[in-house]
PDB file of N, CA and C in Angstrom:
ATOM      1  N   MET A   1       0.824  -1.190   0.000  1.00  0.00           N
ATOM      2  CA  MET A   1       0.000   0.000   0.000  1.00  0.00           C
ATOM      3  C   MET A   1       0.868   1.254   0.000  1.00  0.00           C
ATOM      4  N   ILE A   2       1.914   1.254   0.786  1.00  0.00           N
ATOM      5  CA  ILE A   2       2.739   2.457   0.876  1.00  0.00           C
ATOM      6  C   ILE A   2       3.514   2.677  -0.417  1.00  0.00           C
ATOM      7  N   ILE A   3       4.020   1.618  -1.003  1.00  0.00           N
ATOM      8  CA  ILE A   3       4.773   1.752  -2.249  1.00  0.00           C
ATOM      9  C   ILE A   3       3.858   2.228  -3.369  1.00  0.00           C
ATOM     10  N   GLY A   4       2.656   1.680  -3.452  1.00  0.00           N
ATOM     11  CA  GLY A   4       1.735   2.026  -4.531  1.00  0.00           C
ATOM     12  C   GLY A   4       1.020   3.334  -4.326  1.00  0.00           C
ATOM     13  N   GLY A   5       0.771   3.711  -3.091  1.00  0.00           N
ATOM     14  CA  GLY A   5       0.038   4.936  -2.801  1.00  0.00           C
ATOM     15  C   GLY A   5      -1.271   4.610  -2.107  1.00  0.00           C
ATOM     16  N   LEU A   6      -1.554   5.296  -1.034  1.00  0.00           N
ATOM     17  CA  LEU A   6      -2.768   5.036  -0.273  1.00  0.00           C
ATOM     18  C   LEU A   6      -3.989   5.470  -1.067  1.00  0.00           C
ATOM     19  N   GLY A   7      -5.021   4.635  -1.064  1.00  0.00           N
ATOM     20  CA  GLY A   7      -6.262   4.968  -1.745  1.00  0.00           C
ATOM     21  C   GLY A   7      -6.272   4.681  -3.230  1.00  0.00           C
ATOM     22  N   SER A   8      -5.269   4.025  -3.733  1.00  0.00           N
ATOM     23  CA  SER A   8      -5.191   3.731  -5.158  1.00  0.00           C
ATOM     24  C   SER A   8      -5.115   2.217  -5.359  1.00  0.00           C
ATOM     25  N   VAL A   9      -6.118   1.652  -6.007  1.00  0.00           N
ATOM     26  CA  VAL A   9      -6.117   0.215  -6.265  1.00  0.00           C
ATOM     27  C   VAL A   9      -5.023  -0.140  -7.267  1.00  0.00           C
ATOM     28  N   LYS A  10      -4.867   0.685  -8.284  1.00  0.00           N
ATOM     29  CA  LYS A  10      -3.818   0.454  -9.278  1.00  0.00           C
ATOM     30  C   LYS A  10      -2.438   0.512  -8.626  1.00  0.00           C
ATOM     31  N   GLY A  11      -2.259   1.423  -7.687  1.00  0.00           N
ATOM     32  CA  GLY A  11      -0.998   1.521  -6.968  1.00  0.00           C
ATOM     33  C   GLY A  11      -0.761   0.337  -6.058  1.00  0.00           C
ATOM     34  N   ALA A  12      -1.815  -0.171  -5.422  1.00  0.00           N
ATOM     35  CA  ALA A  12      -1.671  -1.346  -4.558  1.00  0.00           C
ATOM     36  C   ALA A  12      -1.248  -2.564  -5.368  1.00  0.00           C
ATOM     37  N   VAL A  13      -1.804  -2.710  -6.563  1.00  0.00           N
ATOM     38  CA  VAL A  13      -1.426  -3.827  -7.434  1.00  0.00           C
ATOM     39  C   VAL A  13       0.020  -3.667  -7.894  1.00  0.00           C
ATOM     40  N   ALA A  14       0.391  -2.471  -8.317  1.00  0.00           N
ATOM     41  CA  ALA A  14       1.758  -2.232  -8.780  1.00  0.00           C
ATOM     42  C   ALA A  14       2.767  -2.434  -7.651  1.00  0.00           C
ATOM     43  N   GLY A  15       2.444  -1.960  -6.466  1.00  0.00           N
ATOM     44  CA  GLY A  15       3.342  -2.128  -5.328  1.00  0.00           C
ATOM     45  C   GLY A  15       3.501  -3.576  -4.922  1.00  0.00           C
ATOM     46  N   SER A  16       2.412  -4.340  -4.946  1.00  0.00           N
ATOM     47  CA  SER A  16       2.511  -5.744  -4.559  1.00  0.00           C
ATOM     48  C   SER A  16       3.254  -6.563  -5.601  1.00  0.00           C
ATOM     49  N   VAL A  17       3.082  -6.235  -6.878  1.00  0.00           N
ATOM     50  CA  VAL A  17       3.833  -6.932  -7.920  1.00  0.00           C
ATOM     51  C   VAL A  17       5.320  -6.628  -7.800  1.00  0.00           C
ATOM     52  N   LEU A  18       5.661  -5.383  -7.566  1.00  0.00           N
ATOM     53  CA  LEU A  18       7.062  -4.999  -7.390  1.00  0.00           C
ATOM     54  C   LEU A  18       7.663  -5.693  -6.179  1.00  0.00           C
ATOM     55  N   TYR A  19       6.932  -5.697  -5.072  1.00  0.00           N
ATOM     56  CA  TYR A  19       7.400  -6.361  -3.842  1.00  0.00           C
ATOM     57  C   TYR A  19       7.593  -7.865  -4.077  1.00  0.00           C
ATOM     58  N   GLY A  20       6.630  -8.502  -4.722  1.00  0.00           N
ATOM     59  CA  GLY A  20       6.724  -9.935  -4.981  1.00  0.00           C
ATOM     60  C   GLY A  20       7.869 -10.291  -5.907  1.00  0.00           C
ATOM     61  N   MET A  21       8.100  -9.457  -6.920  1.00  0.00           N
ATOM     62  CA  MET A  21       9.206  -9.732  -7.833  1.00  0.00           C
ATOM     63  C   MET A  21      10.547  -9.600  -7.135  1.00  0.00           C
ATOM     64  N   VAL A  22      10.679  -8.620  -6.259  1.00  0.00           N
ATOM     65  CA  VAL A  22      11.944  -8.449  -5.529  1.00  0.00           C
ATOM     66  C   VAL A  22      12.182  -9.636  -4.597  1.00  0.00           C
ATOM     67  N   ILE A  23      11.143 -10.064  -3.884  1.00  0.00           N
ATOM     68  CA  ILE A  23      11.278 -11.202  -2.972  1.00  0.00           C
ATOM     69  C   ILE A  23      11.590 -12.490  -3.733  1.00  0.00           C
ATOM     70  N   ALA A  24      10.997 -12.662  -4.913  1.00  0.00           N
ATOM     71  CA  ALA A  24      11.189 -13.892  -5.672  1.00  0.00           C
ATOM     72  C   ALA A  24      12.515 -13.938  -6.422  1.00  0.00           C
ATOM     73  N   PHE A  25      12.916 -12.799  -7.002  1.00  0.00           N
ATOM     74  CA  PHE A  25      14.085 -12.823  -7.867  1.00  0.00           C
ATOM     75  C   PHE A  25      15.404 -12.511  -7.163  1.00  0.00           C
ATOM     76  N   SER A  26      15.377 -11.812  -6.020  1.00  0.00           N
ATOM     77  CA  SER A  26      16.653 -11.514  -5.380  1.00  0.00           C
ATOM     78  C   SER A  26      17.410 -12.755  -4.924  1.00  0.00           C
ATOM     79  N   PRO A  27      16.782 -13.754  -4.314  1.00  0.00           N
ATOM     80  CA  PRO A  27      17.567 -14.943  -3.960  1.00  0.00           C
ATOM     81  C   PRO A  27      18.089 -15.690  -5.181  1.00  0.00           C
ATOM     82  N   ALA A  28      17.408 -15.574  -6.314  1.00  0.00           N
ATOM     83  CA  ALA A  28      17.858 -16.267  -7.515  1.00  0.00           C
ATOM     84  C   ALA A  28      19.126 -15.642  -8.086  1.00  0.00           C
ATOM     85  N   TYR A  29      19.283 -14.333  -7.931  1.00  0.00           N
ATOM     86  CA  TYR A  29      20.427 -13.657  -8.519  1.00  0.00           C
ATOM     87  C   TYR A  29      21.551 -13.393  -7.524  1.00  0.00           C
ATOM     88  N   LEU A  30      21.294 -13.582  -6.247  1.00  0.00           N
ATOM     89  CA  LEU A  30      22.332 -13.388  -5.240  1.00  0.00           C
ATOM     90  C   LEU A  30      23.066 -14.699  -4.999  1.00  0.00           C
ATOM     91  N   PRO A  31      24.321 -14.636  -4.562  1.00  0.00           N
ATOM     92  CA  PRO A  31      25.006 -15.873  -4.188  1.00  0.00           C
ATOM     93  C   PRO A  31      24.275 -16.575  -3.045  1.00  0.00           C
ATOM     94  N   ALA A  32      24.498 -17.854  -2.910  1.00  0.00           N
ATOM     95  CA  ALA A  32      23.762 -18.673  -1.935  1.00  0.00           C
ATOM     96  C   ALA A  32      23.944 -18.190  -0.500  1.00  0.00           C
ATOM     97  N   ASP A  33      25.078 -17.610  -0.187  1.00  0.00           N
ATOM     98  CA  ASP A  33      25.319 -17.151   1.187  1.00  0.00           C
ATOM     99  C   ASP A  33      24.625 -15.828   1.493  1.00  0.00           C
ATOM    100  N   TYR A  34      24.113 -15.138   0.503  1.00  0.00           N
ATOM    101  CA  TYR A  34      23.555 -13.801   0.700  1.00  0.00           C
ATOM    102  C   TYR A  34      22.069 -13.704   0.373  1.00  0.00           C
ATOM    103  N   THR A  35      21.339 -14.792   0.391  1.00  0.00           N
ATOM    104  CA  THR A  35      19.924 -14.747   0.042  1.00  0.00           C
ATOM    105  C   THR A  35      19.095 -13.982   1.062  1.00  0.00           C
ATOM    106  N   PHE A  36      19.579 -13.840   2.289  1.00  0.00           N
ATOM    107  CA  PHE A  36      18.829 -13.099   3.303  1.00  0.00           C
ATOM    108  C   PHE A  36      18.782 -11.611   2.992  1.00  0.00           C
ATOM    109  N   TYR A  37      19.570 -11.144   2.058  1.00  0.00           N
ATOM    110  CA  TYR A  37      19.536  -9.738   1.668  1.00  0.00           C
ATOM    111  C   TYR A  37      18.283  -9.384   0.865  1.00  0.00           C
ATOM    112  N   SER A  38      17.522 -10.368   0.428  1.00  0.00           N
ATOM    113  CA  SER A  38      16.308 -10.066  -0.326  1.00  0.00           C
ATOM    114  C   SER A  38      15.315  -9.293   0.527  1.00  0.00           C
ATOM    115  N   ILE A  39      15.292  -9.529   1.824  1.00  0.00           N
ATOM    116  CA  ILE A  39      14.415  -8.776   2.717  1.00  0.00           C
ATOM    117  C   ILE A  39      14.885  -7.326   2.810  1.00  0.00           C
ATOM    118  N   ILE A  40      16.177  -7.125   2.840  1.00  0.00           N
ATOM    119  CA  ILE A  40      16.724  -5.774   2.917  1.00  0.00           C
ATOM    120  C   ILE A  40      16.409  -5.002   1.635  1.00  0.00           C
ATOM    121  N   PHE A  41      16.417  -5.688   0.482  1.00  0.00           N
ATOM    122  CA  PHE A  41      16.104  -5.024  -0.780  1.00  0.00           C
ATOM    123  C   PHE A  41      14.691  -4.463  -0.790  1.00  0.00           C
ATOM    124  N   THR A  42      13.754  -5.134  -0.112  1.00  0.00           N
ATOM    125  CA  THR A  42      12.389  -4.610  -0.075  1.00  0.00           C
ATOM    126  C   THR A  42      12.334  -3.279   0.673  1.00  0.00           C
ATOM    127  N   PHE A  43      13.103  -3.154   1.744  1.00  0.00           N
ATOM    128  CA  PHE A  43      13.149  -1.888   2.471  1.00  0.00           C
ATOM    129  C   PHE A  43      13.872  -0.814   1.673  1.00  0.00           C
ATOM    130  N   VAL A  44      14.852  -1.205   0.888  1.00  0.00           N
ATOM    131  CA  VAL A  44      15.548  -0.247   0.025  1.00  0.00           C
ATOM    132  C   VAL A  44      14.585   0.295  -1.030  1.00  0.00           C
ATOM    133  N   ILE A  45      13.781  -0.581  -1.621  1.00  0.00           N
ATOM    134  CA  ILE A  45      12.793  -0.130  -2.609  1.00  0.00           C
ATOM    135  C   ILE A  45      11.786   0.802  -1.959  1.00  0.00           C
ATOM    136  N   LEU A  46      11.336   0.469  -0.754  1.00  0.00           N
ATOM    137  CA  LEU A  46      10.404   1.333  -0.040  1.00  0.00           C
ATOM    138  C   LEU A  46      11.017   2.708   0.199  1.00  0.00           C
ATOM    139  N   ALA A  47      12.268   2.751   0.626  1.00  0.00           N
ATOM    140  CA  ALA A  47      12.932   4.025   0.892  1.00  0.00           C
ATOM    141  C   ALA A  47      13.115   4.835  -0.388  1.00  0.00           C
ATOM    142  N   VAL A  48      13.469   4.175  -1.480  1.00  0.00           N
ATOM    143  CA  VAL A  48      13.678   4.886  -2.745  1.00  0.00           C
ATOM    144  C   VAL A  48      12.361   5.454  -3.269  1.00  0.00           C
ATOM    145  N   VAL A  49      11.303   4.658  -3.213  1.00  0.00           N
ATOM    146  CA  VAL A  49      10.004   5.145  -3.692  1.00  0.00           C
ATOM    147  C   VAL A  49       9.535   6.316  -2.851  1.00  0.00           C
ATOM    148  N   LEU A  50       9.679   6.227  -1.551  1.00  0.00           N
ATOM    149  CA  LEU A  50       9.239   7.328  -0.697  1.00  0.00           C
ATOM    150  C   LEU A  50      10.126   8.560  -0.832  1.00  0.00           C
ATOM    151  N   ALA A  51      11.390   8.386  -1.190  1.00  0.00           N
ATOM    152  CA  ALA A  51      12.266   9.534  -1.400  1.00  0.00           C
ATOM    153  C   ALA A  51      11.938  10.243  -2.713  1.00  0.00           C
ATOM    154  N   VAL A  52      11.621   9.464  -3.744  1.00  0.00           N
ATOM    155  CA  VAL A  52      11.354  10.045  -5.052  1.00  0.00           C
ATOM    156  C   VAL A  52       9.904  10.519  -5.164  1.00  0.00           C
ATOM    157  N   ARG A  53       8.967   9.689  -4.733  1.00  0.00           N
ATOM    158  CA  ARG A  53       7.541  10.016  -4.793  1.00  0.00           C
ATOM    159  C   ARG A  53       6.932   9.785  -3.420  1.00  0.00           C
ATOM    160  N   PRO A  54       6.870  10.786  -2.564  1.00  0.00           N
ATOM    161  CA  PRO A  54       6.392  10.610  -1.190  1.00  0.00           C
ATOM    162  C   PRO A  54       4.950  10.102  -1.092  1.00  0.00           C
ATOM    163  N   ASN A  55       4.134  10.289  -2.116  1.00  0.00           N
ATOM    164  CA  ASN A  55       2.748   9.809  -2.086  1.00  0.00           C
ATOM    165  C   ASN A  55       2.603   8.402  -2.655  1.00  0.00           C
ATOM    166  N   GLY A  56       3.679   7.774  -3.049  1.00  0.00           N
ATOM    167  CA  GLY A  56       3.621   6.442  -3.633  1.00  0.00           C
ATOM    168  C   GLY A  56       3.669   6.518  -5.150  1.00  0.00           C
ATOM    169  N   LEU A  57       3.656   5.354  -5.789  1.00  0.00           N
ATOM    170  CA  LEU A  57       3.761   5.331  -7.243  1.00  0.00           C
ATOM    171  C   LEU A  57       2.554   5.964  -7.929  1.00  0.00           C
ATOM    172  N   TYR A  58       1.356   5.668  -7.431  1.00  0.00           N
ATOM    173  CA  TYR A  58       0.138   6.193  -8.046  1.00  0.00           C
ATOM    174  C   TYR A  58      -0.675   7.046  -7.094  1.00  0.00           C
ATOM    175  N   GLY A  59      -0.078   7.489  -6.003  1.00  0.00           N
ATOM    176  CA  GLY A  59      -0.804   8.308  -5.050  1.00  0.00           C
ATOM    177  C   GLY A  59      -0.995   9.727  -5.539  1.00  0.00           C
ATOM    178  N   ALA A  60      -2.113  10.311  -5.189  1.00  0.00           N
ATOM    179  CA  ALA A  60      -2.404  11.695  -5.580  1.00  0.00           C
ATOM    180  C   ALA A  60      -1.912  12.652  -4.512  1.00  0.00           C
ATOM    181  N   ALA A  61      -1.441  13.792  -4.932  1.00  0.00           N
ATOM    182  CA  ALA A  61      -0.995  14.811  -3.972  1.00  0.00           C
ATOM    183  C   ALA A  61      -2.194  15.366  -3.224  1.00  0.00           C
ATOM    184  N   GLU A  62      -2.021  15.583  -1.949  1.00  0.00           N
ATOM    185  CA  GLU A  62      -3.130  16.081  -1.117  1.00  0.00           C
ATOM    186  C   GLU A  62      -3.086  17.578  -1.002  1.00  0.00           C
TER     187      GLU A  62
END
């Protein structure tokens, strides 16, 4: 919800797809000893989205 933007169904879908892809693909591309970093990548994406677009990907400015 936070990544996509509060009150936006399209944003909730986009945020959940982005979150799911990061969780699924990060262990596949990281070395076997570093798969636990996939959780950290989700927080990095959250921080980047909130730094660039504080209202989320599809959130409207208030």
